Amino acid sequence: MKTTTLIPALAVALFALVFAGCSTVSSRIKEKASVFDTLTPEEQASIRQGVVGLDYTIDMVYMALGKPDHVKEKVTSGGADTTWIYNNYYQEYAGTRFVGYRRHMSYDPHAKRWIAYYVPIHEPVYRTRIEEMARVQFRDGKVIAIEQPK
């Protein structure tokens, strides 16, 4: 009896774990609601669209773009700079590769025997591609530069 009540609970827990890492603009706005409410309507609209601008704060960039894939720190004579790097990940088709043979049997009624023949098997090959989507550079907690490939 306990297993029947345990299975739905496990399914709900697994569902929650799978989707807990999913971050959307709306969920990040709710997370930083106190910051979002202090922004101008233009800034709020920009963040909802996932667009950042110069002089945006770290919290504003986080709400618009989410957690960065990489963070780099650089110290120069002008001060310490932090760069958030966002990447785009996708699978690219790279052809096929040979994986073996599949045996097929066919009966020949004239020779009254079974004949085996082999068909080559190929499977698709995909490579993971990573392309840089954007770099956002901060100094003193404000955006000073935004780089995006054209």
C-alpha atoms as a PDB file:
ATOM      1  CA  MET A   1       0.000   0.000   0.000  1.00  0.00           C
ATOM      2  CA  LYS A   2       2.761   2.449   0.776  1.00  0.00           C
ATOM      3  CA  THR A   3       4.281   2.082  -2.697  1.00  0.00           C
ATOM      4  CA  THR A   4       1.122   3.352  -4.389  1.00  0.00           C
ATOM      5  CA  THR A   5       1.197   6.582  -2.371  1.00  0.00           C
ATOM      6  CA  LEU A   6       4.963   6.858  -2.675  1.00  0.00           C
ATOM      7  CA  ILE A   7       5.059   6.682  -6.486  1.00  0.00           C
ATOM      8  CA  PRO A   8       3.007   9.877  -7.100  1.00  0.00           C
ATOM      9  CA  ALA A   9       5.100  11.686  -4.497  1.00  0.00           C
ATOM     10  CA  LEU A  10       8.305  10.598  -6.241  1.00  0.00           C
ATOM     11  CA  ALA A  11       6.919  11.667  -9.606  1.00  0.00           C
ATOM     12  CA  VAL A  12       6.060  15.128  -8.260  1.00  0.00           C
ATOM     13  CA  ALA A  13       9.510  15.449  -6.662  1.00  0.00           C
ATOM     14  CA  LEU A  14      11.234  14.418  -9.897  1.00  0.00           C
ATOM     15  CA  PHE A  15       9.118  16.879 -11.903  1.00  0.00           C
ATOM     16  CA  ALA A  16      10.042  19.668  -9.466  1.00  0.00           C
ATOM     17  CA  LEU A  17      13.755  18.833  -9.709  1.00  0.00           C
ATOM     18  CA  VAL A  18      13.708  18.793 -13.502  1.00  0.00           C
ATOM     19  CA  PHE A  19      11.989  22.155 -13.799  1.00  0.00           C
ATOM     20  CA  ALA A  20      13.604  23.864 -10.805  1.00  0.00           C
ATOM     21  CA  GLY A  21      16.606  24.842 -12.914  1.00  0.00           C
ATOM     22  CA  CYS A  22      14.479  26.423 -15.639  1.00  0.00           C
ATOM     23  CA  SER A  23      14.811  30.169 -15.346  1.00  0.00           C
ATOM     24  CA  THR A  24      12.611  32.534 -17.329  1.00  0.00           C
ATOM     25  CA  VAL A  25      12.453  36.303 -17.464  1.00  0.00           C
ATOM     26  CA  SER A  26       9.185  36.183 -15.484  1.00  0.00           C
ATOM     27  CA  SER A  27      10.634  33.970 -12.757  1.00  0.00           C
ATOM     28  CA  ARG A  28      13.715  36.186 -12.457  1.00  0.00           C
ATOM     29  CA  ILE A  29      11.520  39.312 -12.260  1.00  0.00           C
ATOM     30  CA  LYS A  30       9.538  37.697  -9.437  1.00  0.00           C
ATOM     31  CA  GLU A  31      12.810  36.794  -7.722  1.00  0.00           C
ATOM     32  CA  LYS A  32      14.002  40.431  -7.893  1.00  0.00           C
ATOM     33  CA  ALA A  33      10.550  42.073  -7.583  1.00  0.00           C
ATOM     34  CA  SER A  34      11.750  44.772  -5.193  1.00  0.00           C
ATOM     35  CA  VAL A  35      14.365  45.934  -7.737  1.00  0.00           C
ATOM     36  CA  PHE A  36      12.006  45.579 -10.715  1.00  0.00           C
ATOM     37  CA  ASP A  37       9.314  47.729  -9.086  1.00  0.00           C
ATOM     38  CA  THR A  38      11.737  50.679  -8.725  1.00  0.00           C
ATOM     39  CA  LEU A  39      12.537  50.774 -12.473  1.00  0.00           C
ATOM     40  CA  THR A  40      11.020  53.086 -15.069  1.00  0.00           C
ATOM     41  CA  PRO A  41       8.315  51.645 -17.360  1.00  0.00           C
ATOM     42  CA  GLU A  42      10.794  51.771 -20.282  1.00  0.00           C
ATOM     43  CA  GLU A  43      13.391  49.776 -18.332  1.00  0.00           C
ATOM     44  CA  GLN A  44      10.747  47.274 -17.232  1.00  0.00           C
ATOM     45  CA  ALA A  45       9.610  46.762 -20.839  1.00  0.00           C
ATOM     46  CA  SER A  46      13.216  46.343 -21.961  1.00  0.00           C
ATOM     47  CA  ILE A  47      13.901  43.710 -19.299  1.00  0.00           C
ATOM     48  CA  ARG A  48      10.698  41.811 -20.186  1.00  0.00           C
ATOM     49  CA  GLN A  49      11.991  41.634 -23.781  1.00  0.00           C
ATOM     50  CA  GLY A  50      15.410  40.360 -22.637  1.00  0.00           C
ATOM     51  CA  VAL A  51      17.233  43.512 -23.751  1.00  0.00           C
ATOM     52  CA  VAL A  52      19.901  45.295 -21.699  1.00  0.00           C
ATOM     53  CA  GLY A  53      21.389  48.756 -22.024  1.00  0.00           C
ATOM     54  CA  LEU A  54      24.259  50.860 -20.758  1.00  0.00           C
ATOM     55  CA  ASP A  55      24.156  51.841 -17.079  1.00  0.00           C
ATOM     56  CA  TYR A  56      21.940  48.837 -16.220  1.00  0.00           C
ATOM     57  CA  THR A  57      22.761  47.279 -12.857  1.00  0.00           C
ATOM     58  CA  ILE A  58      23.815  43.682 -12.270  1.00  0.00           C
ATOM     59  CA  ASP A  59      20.304  42.842 -11.039  1.00  0.00           C
ATOM     60  CA  MET A  60      18.722  44.349 -14.165  1.00  0.00           C
ATOM     61  CA  VAL A  61      20.980  42.307 -16.458  1.00  0.00           C
ATOM     62  CA  TYR A  62      20.281  39.177 -14.421  1.00  0.00           C
ATOM     63  CA  MET A  63      16.520  39.698 -14.786  1.00  0.00           C
ATOM     64  CA  ALA A  64      16.791  40.273 -18.555  1.00  0.00           C
ATOM     65  CA  LEU A  65      19.366  37.619 -19.528  1.00  0.00           C
ATOM     66  CA  GLY A  66      19.686  35.273 -16.573  1.00  0.00           C
ATOM     67  CA  LYS A  67      22.746  33.714 -15.028  1.00  0.00           C
ATOM     68  CA  PRO A  68      25.821  33.986 -17.279  1.00  0.00           C
ATOM     69  CA  ASP A  69      27.638  30.922 -18.625  1.00  0.00           C
ATOM     70  CA  HIS A  70      31.033  32.377 -17.668  1.00  0.00           C
ATOM     71  CA  VAL A  71      32.251  35.269 -15.533  1.00  0.00           C
ATOM     72  CA  LYS A  72      35.622  36.943 -16.102  1.00  0.00           C
ATOM     73  CA  GLU A  73      37.307  39.459 -13.850  1.00  0.00           C
ATOM     74  CA  LYS A  74      39.815  42.013 -15.147  1.00  0.00           C
ATOM     75  CA  VAL A  75      41.747  44.616 -13.176  1.00  0.00           C
ATOM     76  CA  THR A  76      43.013  47.641 -15.116  1.00  0.00           C
ATOM     77  CA  SER A  77      44.278  51.076 -14.190  1.00  0.00           C
ATOM     78  CA  GLY A  78      40.680  52.281 -14.640  1.00  0.00           C
ATOM     79  CA  GLY A  79      39.388  49.836 -12.014  1.00  0.00           C
ATOM     80  CA  ALA A  80      38.069  46.300 -11.763  1.00  0.00           C
ATOM     81  CA  ASP A  81      35.816  45.074 -14.580  1.00  0.00           C
ATOM     82  CA  THR A  82      33.552  42.056 -14.537  1.00  0.00           C
ATOM     83  CA  THR A  83      32.404  40.474 -17.793  1.00  0.00           C
ATOM     84  CA  TRP A  84      29.408  38.153 -18.042  1.00  0.00           C
ATOM     85  CA  ILE A  85      29.528  35.846 -21.057  1.00  0.00           C
ATOM     86  CA  TYR A  86      26.368  34.242 -22.477  1.00  0.00           C
ATOM     87  CA  ASN A  87      26.576  31.302 -24.887  1.00  0.00           C
ATOM     88  CA  ASN A  88      24.146  29.599 -27.235  1.00  0.00           C
ATOM     89  CA  TYR A  89      24.338  25.779 -27.287  1.00  0.00           C
ATOM     90  CA  TYR A  90      22.949  23.649 -30.116  1.00  0.00           C
ATOM     91  CA  GLN A  91      23.438  20.362 -31.944  1.00  0.00           C
ATOM     92  CA  GLU A  92      24.801  20.394 -35.502  1.00  0.00           C
ATOM     93  CA  TYR A  93      24.304  17.479 -37.901  1.00  0.00           C
ATOM     94  CA  ALA A  94      27.693  16.050 -38.925  1.00  0.00           C
ATOM     95  CA  GLY A  95      26.707  13.138 -41.195  1.00  0.00           C
ATOM     96  CA  THR A  96      26.476   9.452 -40.395  1.00  0.00           C
ATOM     97  CA  ARG A  97      28.776   6.746 -39.129  1.00  0.00           C
ATOM     98  CA  PHE A  98      28.849   3.015 -39.732  1.00  0.00           C
ATOM     99  CA  VAL A  99      27.845   1.000 -36.649  1.00  0.00           C
ATOM    100  CA  GLY A 100      27.547  -2.552 -37.952  1.00  0.00           C
ATOM    101  CA  TYR A 101      25.352  -4.896 -39.945  1.00  0.00           C
ATOM    102  CA  ARG A 102      21.808  -6.200 -39.530  1.00  0.00           C
ATOM    103  CA  ARG A 103      21.225  -9.788 -40.599  1.00  0.00           C
ATOM    104  CA  HIS A 104      18.111 -10.544 -42.644  1.00  0.00           C
ATOM    105  CA  MET A 105      16.880 -14.019 -43.518  1.00  0.00           C
ATOM    106  CA  SER A 106      14.958 -14.879 -46.650  1.00  0.00           C
ATOM    107  CA  TYR A 107      13.584 -18.238 -47.729  1.00  0.00           C
ATOM    108  CA  ASP A 108      14.301 -19.316 -51.314  1.00  0.00           C
ATOM    109  CA  PRO A 109      11.481 -21.705 -52.329  1.00  0.00           C
ATOM    110  CA  HIS A 110      13.350 -22.885 -55.454  1.00  0.00           C
ATOM    111  CA  ALA A 111      16.506 -23.875 -53.578  1.00  0.00           C
ATOM    112  CA  LYS A 112      14.444 -24.848 -50.525  1.00  0.00           C
ATOM    113  CA  ARG A 113      16.770 -23.122 -48.112  1.00  0.00           C
ATOM    114  CA  TRP A 114      17.191 -19.959 -46.063  1.00  0.00           C
ATOM    115  CA  ILE A 115      19.530 -17.274 -47.342  1.00  0.00           C
ATOM    116  CA  ALA A 116      21.143 -14.757 -45.017  1.00  0.00           C
ATOM    117  CA  TYR A 117      22.100 -11.322 -46.222  1.00  0.00           C
ATOM    118  CA  TYR A 118      23.525  -8.399 -44.310  1.00  0.00           C
ATOM    119  CA  VAL A 119      22.542  -4.750 -44.526  1.00  0.00           C
ATOM    120  CA  PRO A 120      24.925  -2.036 -43.264  1.00  0.00           C
ATOM    121  CA  ILE A 121      23.604   0.157 -40.456  1.00  0.00           C
ATOM    122  CA  HIS A 122      24.463   3.846 -40.145  1.00  0.00           C
ATOM    123  CA  GLU A 123      23.438   6.263 -37.430  1.00  0.00           C
ATOM    124  CA  PRO A 124      23.389  10.068 -37.460  1.00  0.00           C
ATOM    125  CA  VAL A 125      26.212  11.971 -35.792  1.00  0.00           C
ATOM    126  CA  TYR A 126      25.667  15.328 -34.093  1.00  0.00           C
ATOM    127  CA  ARG A 127      28.241  17.692 -32.632  1.00  0.00           C
ATOM    128  CA  THR A 128      27.562  20.169 -29.875  1.00  0.00           C
ATOM    129  CA  ARG A 129      28.253  23.703 -31.028  1.00  0.00           C
ATOM    130  CA  ILE A 130      28.805  26.599 -28.688  1.00  0.00           C
ATOM    131  CA  GLU A 131      28.539  30.150 -29.974  1.00  0.00           C
ATOM    132  CA  GLU A 132      29.004  33.241 -27.907  1.00  0.00           C
ATOM    133  CA  MET A 133      25.737  35.148 -27.787  1.00  0.00           C
ATOM    134  CA  ALA A 134      26.728  38.225 -25.763  1.00  0.00           C
ATOM    135  CA  ARG A 135      29.272  39.781 -23.402  1.00  0.00           C
ATOM    136  CA  VAL A 136      28.190  42.307 -20.816  1.00  0.00           C
ATOM    137  CA  GLN A 137      30.938  44.285 -19.086  1.00  0.00           C
ATOM    138  CA  PHE A 138      30.392  45.882 -15.672  1.00  0.00           C
ATOM    139  CA  ARG A 139      32.364  48.501 -13.752  1.00  0.00           C
ATOM    140  CA  ASP A 140      31.220  49.571 -10.295  1.00  0.00           C
ATOM    141  CA  GLY A 141      28.041  47.496 -10.673  1.00  0.00           C
ATOM    142  CA  LYS A 142      26.894  49.214 -13.899  1.00  0.00           C
ATOM    143  CA  VAL A 143      27.026  48.095 -17.549  1.00  0.00           C
ATOM    144  CA  ILE A 144      29.774  49.922 -19.442  1.00  0.00           C
ATOM    145  CA  ALA A 145      29.893  47.762 -22.599  1.00  0.00           C
ATOM    146  CA  ILE A 146      27.731  45.233 -24.437  1.00  0.00           C
ATOM    147  CA  GLU A 147      29.187  43.009 -27.174  1.00  0.00           C
ATOM    148  CA  GLN A 148      27.010  40.930 -29.486  1.00  0.00           C
ATOM    149  CA  PRO A 149      28.065  39.207 -32.698  1.00  0.00           C
ATOM    150  CA  LYS A 150      26.249  40.419 -35.820  1.00  0.00           C
END
